[in-house]
Amino acid sequence: MPKKLFAVILLCGMLPACATRETRLTVDTSCAAFRAISFAVPSKTNSETADNLYDTQATVDEIMNHNARWDALCSMR
């Protein structure tokens, strides 16, 4: 009798292993937290000069890359 009881307990312990687990939903909030970046626009009183560049080419490239990624991830939402 103890062998049968042990077998039943062992089998009952293995039942949860067959259950399908619910996958957790991952919520991406980055589109709500971030936005596309705009370029610096010189004002009429402070025009862009050789000494005062609003956006360097490196900055423009980074803004373009950021905005492209943002559009790919968030434009459909």
PDB file of N, CA and C in Angstrom:
ATOM      1  N   MET A   1       0.800  -1.204   0.000  1.00  0.00           N
ATOM      2  CA  MET A   1       0.000   0.000   0.000  1.00  0.00           C
ATOM      3  C   MET A   1       0.843   1.269   0.000  1.00  0.00           C
ATOM      4  N   PRO A   2       1.927   1.326   0.749  1.00  0.00           N
ATOM      5  CA  PRO A   2       2.728   2.549   0.742  1.00  0.00           C
ATOM      6  C   PRO A   2       3.329   2.851  -0.624  1.00  0.00           C
ATOM      7  N   LYS A   3       3.623   1.807  -1.435  1.00  0.00           N
ATOM      8  CA  LYS A   3       4.187   2.047  -2.756  1.00  0.00           C
ATOM      9  C   LYS A   3       3.165   2.720  -3.667  1.00  0.00           C
ATOM     10  N   LYS A   4       1.911   2.289  -3.587  1.00  0.00           N
ATOM     11  CA  LYS A   4       0.861   2.899  -4.402  1.00  0.00           C
ATOM     12  C   LYS A   4       0.615   4.342  -3.971  1.00  0.00           C
ATOM     13  N   LEU A   5       0.594   4.579  -2.685  1.00  0.00           N
ATOM     14  CA  LEU A   5       0.394   5.926  -2.167  1.00  0.00           C
ATOM     15  C   LEU A   5       1.537   6.839  -2.620  1.00  0.00           C
ATOM     16  N   PHE A   6       2.745   6.339  -2.547  1.00  0.00           N
ATOM     17  CA  PHE A   6       3.901   7.105  -2.975  1.00  0.00           C
ATOM     18  C   PHE A   6       3.806   7.419  -4.476  1.00  0.00           C
ATOM     19  N   ALA A   7       3.363   6.445  -5.279  1.00  0.00           N
ATOM     20  CA  ALA A   7       3.233   6.646  -6.721  1.00  0.00           C
ATOM     21  C   ALA A   7       2.168   7.690  -7.030  1.00  0.00           C
ATOM     22  N   VAL A   8       1.049   7.656  -6.299  1.00  0.00           N
ATOM     23  CA  VAL A   8      -0.028   8.627  -6.510  1.00  0.00           C
ATOM     24  C   VAL A   8       0.444  10.039  -6.139  1.00  0.00           C
ATOM     25  N   ILE A   9       1.144  10.151  -5.022  1.00  0.00           N
ATOM     26  CA  ILE A   9       1.655  11.446  -4.599  1.00  0.00           C
ATOM     27  C   ILE A   9       2.665  11.974  -5.611  1.00  0.00           C
ATOM     28  N   LEU A  10       3.530  11.109  -6.112  1.00  0.00           N
ATOM     29  CA  LEU A  10       4.531  11.501  -7.094  1.00  0.00           C
ATOM     30  C   LEU A  10       3.860  11.970  -8.385  1.00  0.00           C
ATOM     31  N   LEU A  11       2.857  11.235  -8.846  1.00  0.00           N
ATOM     32  CA  LEU A  11       2.149  11.622 -10.067  1.00  0.00           C
ATOM     33  C   LEU A  11       1.372  12.920  -9.895  1.00  0.00           C
ATOM     34  N   CYS A  12       0.786  13.120  -8.730  1.00  0.00           N
ATOM     35  CA  CYS A  12       0.053  14.370  -8.473  1.00  0.00           C
ATOM     36  C   CYS A  12       1.008  15.562  -8.429  1.00  0.00           C
ATOM     37  N   GLY A  13       2.211  15.321  -7.968  1.00  0.00           N
ATOM     38  CA  GLY A  13       3.198  16.385  -7.931  1.00  0.00           C
ATOM     39  C   GLY A  13       3.697  16.772  -9.317  1.00  0.00           C
ATOM     40  N   MET A  14       3.585  15.868 -10.278  1.00  0.00           N
ATOM     41  CA  MET A  14       4.047  16.148 -11.634  1.00  0.00           C
ATOM     42  C   MET A  14       2.973  16.786 -12.498  1.00  0.00           C
ATOM     43  N   LEU A  15       1.732  16.822 -12.061  1.00  0.00           N
ATOM     44  CA  LEU A  15       0.647  17.397 -12.863  1.00  0.00           C
ATOM     45  C   LEU A  15       0.861  18.870 -13.209  1.00  0.00           C
ATOM     46  N   PRO A  16       1.306  19.722 -12.309  1.00  0.00           N
ATOM     47  CA  PRO A  16       1.502  21.126 -12.683  1.00  0.00           C
ATOM     48  C   PRO A  16       2.543  21.324 -13.778  1.00  0.00           C
ATOM     49  N   ALA A  17       3.426  20.381 -13.970  1.00  0.00           N
ATOM     50  CA  ALA A  17       4.432  20.498 -15.015  1.00  0.00           C
ATOM     51  C   ALA A  17       3.806  20.454 -16.401  1.00  0.00           C
ATOM     52  N   CYS A  18       2.633  19.878 -16.523  1.00  0.00           N
ATOM     53  CA  CYS A  18       1.947  19.792 -17.812  1.00  0.00           C
ATOM     54  C   CYS A  18       1.089  21.023 -18.104  1.00  0.00           C
ATOM     55  N   ALA A  19       0.900  21.849 -17.141  1.00  0.00           N
ATOM     56  CA  ALA A  19       0.041  23.015 -17.315  1.00  0.00           C
ATOM     57  C   ALA A  19       0.708  24.038 -18.234  1.00  0.00           C
ATOM     58  N   THR A  20      -0.106  24.714 -19.014  1.00  0.00           N
ATOM     59  CA  THR A  20       0.399  25.778 -19.872  1.00  0.00           C
ATOM     60  C   THR A  20       0.468  27.060 -19.065  1.00  0.00           C
ATOM     61  N   ARG A  21       1.654  27.619 -19.039  1.00  0.00           N
ATOM     62  CA  ARG A  21       1.816  28.852 -18.278  1.00  0.00           C
ATOM     63  C   ARG A  21       1.435  30.049 -19.141  1.00  0.00           C
ATOM     64  N   GLU A  22       0.831  31.012 -18.508  1.00  0.00           N
ATOM     65  CA  GLU A  22       0.445  32.229 -19.209  1.00  0.00           C
ATOM     66  C   GLU A  22       1.689  33.086 -19.397  1.00  0.00           C
ATOM     67  N   THR A  23       1.902  33.544 -20.637  1.00  0.00           N
ATOM     68  CA  THR A  23       3.059  34.396 -20.885  1.00  0.00           C
ATOM     69  C   THR A  23       2.759  35.802 -20.378  1.00  0.00           C
ATOM     70  N   ARG A  24       3.762  36.428 -19.797  1.00  0.00           N
ATOM     71  CA  ARG A  24       3.574  37.773 -19.264  1.00  0.00           C
ATOM     72  C   ARG A  24       3.630  38.784 -20.394  1.00  0.00           C
ATOM     73  N   LEU A  25       2.776  39.756 -20.314  1.00  0.00           N
ATOM     74  CA  LEU A  25       2.728  40.820 -21.297  1.00  0.00           C
ATOM     75  C   LEU A  25       3.719  41.899 -20.898  1.00  0.00           C
ATOM     76  N   THR A  26       4.618  42.232 -21.815  1.00  0.00           N
ATOM     77  CA  THR A  26       5.589  43.289 -21.563  1.00  0.00           C
ATOM     78  C   THR A  26       5.061  44.574 -22.187  1.00  0.00           C
ATOM     79  N   VAL A  27       4.894  45.580 -21.379  1.00  0.00           N
ATOM     80  CA  VAL A  27       4.375  46.856 -21.855  1.00  0.00           C
ATOM     81  C   VAL A  27       5.546  47.786 -22.123  1.00  0.00           C
ATOM     82  N   ASP A  28       5.652  48.262 -23.350  1.00  0.00           N
ATOM     83  CA  ASP A  28       6.723  49.174 -23.730  1.00  0.00           C
ATOM     84  C   ASP A  28       6.199  50.599 -23.611  1.00  0.00           C
ATOM     85  N   THR A  29       6.744  51.334 -22.657  1.00  0.00           N
ATOM     86  CA  THR A  29       6.285  52.714 -22.431  1.00  0.00           C
ATOM     87  C   THR A  29       7.246  53.741 -23.006  1.00  0.00           C
ATOM     88  N   SER A  30       8.228  53.279 -23.777  1.00  0.00           N
ATOM     89  CA  SER A  30       9.218  54.229 -24.289  1.00  0.00           C
ATOM     90  C   SER A  30       8.598  55.245 -25.242  1.00  0.00           C
ATOM     91  N   CYS A  31       7.570  54.873 -25.975  1.00  0.00           N
ATOM     92  CA  CYS A  31       6.953  55.826 -26.896  1.00  0.00           C
ATOM     93  C   CYS A  31       6.223  56.932 -26.140  1.00  0.00           C
ATOM     94  N   ALA A  32       5.753  56.628 -24.954  1.00  0.00           N
ATOM     95  CA  ALA A  32       5.114  57.660 -24.147  1.00  0.00           C
ATOM     96  C   ALA A  32       6.135  58.518 -23.425  1.00  0.00           C
ATOM     97  N   ALA A  33       7.304  57.946 -23.148  1.00  0.00           N
ATOM     98  CA  ALA A  33       8.318  58.672 -22.389  1.00  0.00           C
ATOM     99  C   ALA A  33       9.219  59.522 -23.274  1.00  0.00           C
ATOM    100  N   PHE A  34       9.415  59.119 -24.517  1.00  0.00           N
ATOM    101  CA  PHE A  34      10.319  59.830 -25.410  1.00  0.00           C
ATOM    102  C   PHE A  34       9.549  60.367 -26.608  1.00  0.00           C
ATOM    103  N   ARG A  35      10.173  61.247 -27.342  1.00  0.00           N
ATOM    104  CA  ARG A  35       9.554  61.786 -28.551  1.00  0.00           C
ATOM    105  C   ARG A  35      10.656  62.068 -29.554  1.00  0.00           C
ATOM    106  N   ALA A  36      10.268  62.423 -30.756  1.00  0.00           N
ATOM    107  CA  ALA A  36      11.246  62.793 -31.772  1.00  0.00           C
ATOM    108  C   ALA A  36      11.933  64.089 -31.353  1.00  0.00           C
ATOM    109  N   ILE A  37      13.172  64.232 -31.749  1.00  0.00           N
ATOM    110  CA  ILE A  37      13.960  65.409 -31.389  1.00  0.00           C
ATOM    111  C   ILE A  37      13.917  66.396 -32.547  1.00  0.00           C
ATOM    112  N   SER A  38      13.765  67.658 -32.226  1.00  0.00           N
ATOM    113  CA  SER A  38      13.758  68.685 -33.273  1.00  0.00           C
ATOM    114  C   SER A  38      15.138  69.331 -33.372  1.00  0.00           C
ATOM    115  N   PHE A  39      15.384  69.942 -34.487  1.00  0.00           N
ATOM    116  CA  PHE A  39      16.648  70.631 -34.714  1.00  0.00           C
ATOM    117  C   PHE A  39      16.571  72.037 -34.136  1.00  0.00           C
ATOM    118  N   ALA A  40      17.735  72.587 -33.822  1.00  0.00           N
ATOM    119  CA  ALA A  40      17.791  73.968 -33.350  1.00  0.00           C
ATOM    120  C   ALA A  40      17.468  74.902 -34.506  1.00  0.00           C
ATOM    121  N   VAL A  41      16.614  75.873 -34.227  1.00  0.00           N
ATOM    122  CA  VAL A  41      16.227  76.835 -35.252  1.00  0.00           C
ATOM    123  C   VAL A  41      16.744  78.204 -34.819  1.00  0.00           C
ATOM    124  N   PRO A  42      17.602  78.818 -35.629  1.00  0.00           N
ATOM    125  CA  PRO A  42      18.099  80.139 -35.251  1.00  0.00           C
ATOM    126  C   PRO A  42      16.965  81.158 -35.230  1.00  0.00           C
ATOM    127  N   SER A  43      16.996  82.016 -34.253  1.00  0.00           N
ATOM    128  CA  SER A  43      15.991  83.069 -34.191  1.00  0.00           C
ATOM    129  C   SER A  43      16.428  84.228 -35.067  1.00  0.00           C
ATOM    130  N   LYS A  44      15.539  85.175 -35.288  1.00  0.00           N
ATOM    131  CA  LYS A  44      15.875  86.322 -36.129  1.00  0.00           C
ATOM    132  C   LYS A  44      16.907  87.218 -35.453  1.00  0.00           C
ATOM    133  N   THR A  45      16.903  87.264 -34.137  1.00  0.00           N
ATOM    134  CA  THR A  45      17.854  88.118 -33.429  1.00  0.00           C
ATOM    135  C   THR A  45      19.200  87.441 -33.230  1.00  0.00           C
ATOM    136  N   ASN A  46      19.248  86.125 -33.098  1.00  0.00           N
ATOM    137  CA  ASN A  46      20.498  85.377 -32.946  1.00  0.00           C
ATOM    138  C   ASN A  46      20.691  84.484 -34.153  1.00  0.00           C
ATOM    139  N   SER A  47      21.211  85.039 -35.223  1.00  0.00           N
ATOM    140  CA  SER A  47      21.394  84.219 -36.415  1.00  0.00           C
ATOM    141  C   SER A  47      22.632  83.346 -36.263  1.00  0.00           C
ATOM    142  N   GLU A  48      22.670  82.301 -37.047  1.00  0.00           N
ATOM    143  CA  GLU A  48      23.782  81.363 -36.990  1.00  0.00           C
ATOM    144  C   GLU A  48      25.012  81.997 -37.644  1.00  0.00           C
ATOM    145  N   THR A  49      26.128  81.941 -36.953  1.00  0.00           N
ATOM    146  CA  THR A  49      27.386  82.464 -37.493  1.00  0.00           C
ATOM    147  C   THR A  49      28.435  81.358 -37.411  1.00  0.00           C
ATOM    148  N   ALA A  50      29.628  81.660 -37.898  1.00  0.00           N
ATOM    149  CA  ALA A  50      30.703  80.670 -37.851  1.00  0.00           C
ATOM    150  C   ALA A  50      31.092  80.356 -36.409  1.00  0.00           C
ATOM    151  N   ASP A  51      30.964  81.332 -35.509  1.00  0.00           N
ATOM    152  CA  ASP A  51      31.301  81.121 -34.098  1.00  0.00           C
ATOM    153  C   ASP A  51      30.160  80.493 -33.306  1.00  0.00           C
ATOM    154  N   ASN A  52      28.973  80.544 -33.829  1.00  0.00           N
ATOM    155  CA  ASN A  52      27.801  80.092 -33.091  1.00  0.00           C
ATOM    156  C   ASN A  52      26.973  79.159 -33.975  1.00  0.00           C
ATOM    157  N   LEU A  53      27.381  77.885 -34.035  1.00  0.00           N
ATOM    158  CA  LEU A  53      26.634  76.899 -34.813  1.00  0.00           C
ATOM    159  C   LEU A  53      25.574  76.265 -33.922  1.00  0.00           C
ATOM    160  N   TYR A  54      24.360  76.226 -34.393  1.00  0.00           N
ATOM    161  CA  TYR A  54      23.280  75.656 -33.592  1.00  0.00           C
ATOM    162  C   TYR A  54      23.374  74.139 -33.517  1.00  0.00           C
ATOM    163  N   ASP A  55      23.533  73.482 -34.644  1.00  0.00           N
ATOM    164  CA  ASP A  55      23.659  72.023 -34.667  1.00  0.00           C
ATOM    165  C   ASP A  55      24.855  71.651 -35.529  1.00  0.00           C
ATOM    166  N   THR A  56      25.792  70.912 -34.940  1.00  0.00           N
ATOM    167  CA  THR A  56      26.919  70.410 -35.725  1.00  0.00           C
ATOM    168  C   THR A  56      26.444  69.249 -36.580  1.00  0.00           C
ATOM    169  N   GLN A  57      27.262  68.844 -37.524  1.00  0.00           N
ATOM    170  CA  GLN A  57      26.886  67.719 -38.378  1.00  0.00           C
ATOM    171  C   GLN A  57      26.730  66.441 -37.556  1.00  0.00           C
ATOM    172  N   ALA A  58      27.571  66.277 -36.532  1.00  0.00           N
ATOM    173  CA  ALA A  58      27.443  65.099 -35.663  1.00  0.00           C
ATOM    174  C   ALA A  58      26.112  65.111 -34.919  1.00  0.00           C
ATOM    175  N   THR A  59      25.707  66.295 -34.457  1.00  0.00           N
ATOM    176  CA  THR A  59      24.416  66.409 -33.762  1.00  0.00           C
ATOM    177  C   THR A  59      23.269  66.118 -34.715  1.00  0.00           C
ATOM    178  N   VAL A  60      23.350  66.642 -35.920  1.00  0.00           N
ATOM    179  CA  VAL A  60      22.300  66.391 -36.922  1.00  0.00           C
ATOM    180  C   VAL A  60      22.209  64.896 -37.214  1.00  0.00           C
ATOM    181  N   ASP A  61      23.357  64.234 -37.354  1.00  0.00           N
ATOM    182  CA  ASP A  61      23.361  62.792 -37.621  1.00  0.00           C
ATOM    183  C   ASP A  61      22.724  62.014 -36.466  1.00  0.00           C
ATOM    184  N   GLU A  62      23.051  62.388 -35.234  1.00  0.00           N
ATOM    185  CA  GLU A  62      22.465  61.705 -34.074  1.00  0.00           C
ATOM    186  C   GLU A  62      20.962  61.941 -33.986  1.00  0.00           C
ATOM    187  N   ILE A  63      20.535  63.156 -34.274  1.00  0.00           N
ATOM    188  CA  ILE A  63      19.094  63.456 -34.252  1.00  0.00           C
ATOM    189  C   ILE A  63      18.379  62.647 -35.328  1.00  0.00           C
ATOM    190  N   MET A  64      18.963  62.577 -36.510  1.00  0.00           N
ATOM    191  CA  MET A  64      18.346  61.810 -37.601  1.00  0.00           C
ATOM    192  C   MET A  64      18.252  60.323 -37.241  1.00  0.00           C
ATOM    193  N   ASN A  65      19.313  59.763 -36.649  1.00  0.00           N
ATOM    194  CA  ASN A  65      19.288  58.355 -36.239  1.00  0.00           C
ATOM    195  C   ASN A  65      18.253  58.120 -35.144  1.00  0.00           C
ATOM    196  N   HIS A  66      18.206  59.003 -34.164  1.00  0.00           N
ATOM    197  CA  HIS A  66      17.223  58.867 -33.077  1.00  0.00           C
ATOM    198  C   HIS A  66      15.808  58.927 -33.641  1.00  0.00           C
ATOM    199  N   ASN A  67      15.538  59.906 -34.483  1.00  0.00           N
ATOM    200  CA  ASN A  67      14.185  60.074 -35.021  1.00  0.00           C
ATOM    201  C   ASN A  67      13.791  58.912 -35.923  1.00  0.00           C
ATOM    202  N   ALA A  68      14.750  58.345 -36.641  1.00  0.00           N
ATOM    203  CA  ALA A  68      14.444  57.176 -37.481  1.00  0.00           C
ATOM    204  C   ALA A  68      14.053  55.984 -36.614  1.00  0.00           C
ATOM    205  N   ARG A  69      14.793  55.773 -35.527  1.00  0.00           N
ATOM    206  CA  ARG A  69      14.428  54.678 -34.611  1.00  0.00           C
ATOM    207  C   ARG A  69      13.091  54.942 -33.952  1.00  0.00           C
ATOM    208  N   TRP A  70      12.851  56.183 -33.552  1.00  0.00           N
ATOM    209  CA  TRP A  70      11.583  56.527 -32.903  1.00  0.00           C
ATOM    210  C   TRP A  70      10.429  56.300 -33.868  1.00  0.00           C
ATOM    211  N   ASP A  71      10.598  56.725 -35.138  1.00  0.00           N
ATOM    212  CA  ASP A  71       9.547  56.499 -36.140  1.00  0.00           C
ATOM    213  C   ASP A  71       9.283  55.014 -36.348  1.00  0.00           C
ATOM    214  N   ALA A  72      10.341  54.211 -36.394  1.00  0.00           N
ATOM    215  CA  ALA A  72      10.170  52.774 -36.622  1.00  0.00           C
ATOM    216  C   ALA A  72       9.426  52.116 -35.450  1.00  0.00           C
ATOM    217  N   LEU A  73       9.681  52.567 -34.247  1.00  0.00           N
ATOM    218  CA  LEU A  73       9.058  51.940 -33.077  1.00  0.00           C
ATOM    219  C   LEU A  73       7.700  52.535 -32.728  1.00  0.00           C
ATOM    220  N   CYS A  74       7.533  53.823 -32.916  1.00  0.00           N
ATOM    221  CA  CYS A  74       6.378  54.510 -32.328  1.00  0.00           C
ATOM    222  C   CYS A  74       5.387  55.115 -33.321  1.00  0.00           C
ATOM    223  N   SER A  75       5.714  55.153 -34.593  1.00  0.00           N
ATOM    224  CA  SER A  75       4.810  55.821 -35.528  1.00  0.00           C
ATOM    225  C   SER A  75       3.502  55.059 -35.726  1.00  0.00           C
ATOM    226  N   MET A  76       3.483  53.761 -35.474  1.00  0.00           N
ATOM    227  CA  MET A  76       2.266  52.956 -35.642  1.00  0.00           C
ATOM    228  C   MET A  76       1.344  53.041 -34.441  1.00  0.00           C
ATOM    229  N   ARG A  77       1.807  53.588 -33.356  1.00  0.00           N
ATOM    230  CA  ARG A  77       1.003  53.595 -32.116  1.00  0.00           C
ATOM    231  C   ARG A  77       0.131  54.795 -32.027  1.00  0.00           C
TER     232      ARG A  77
END
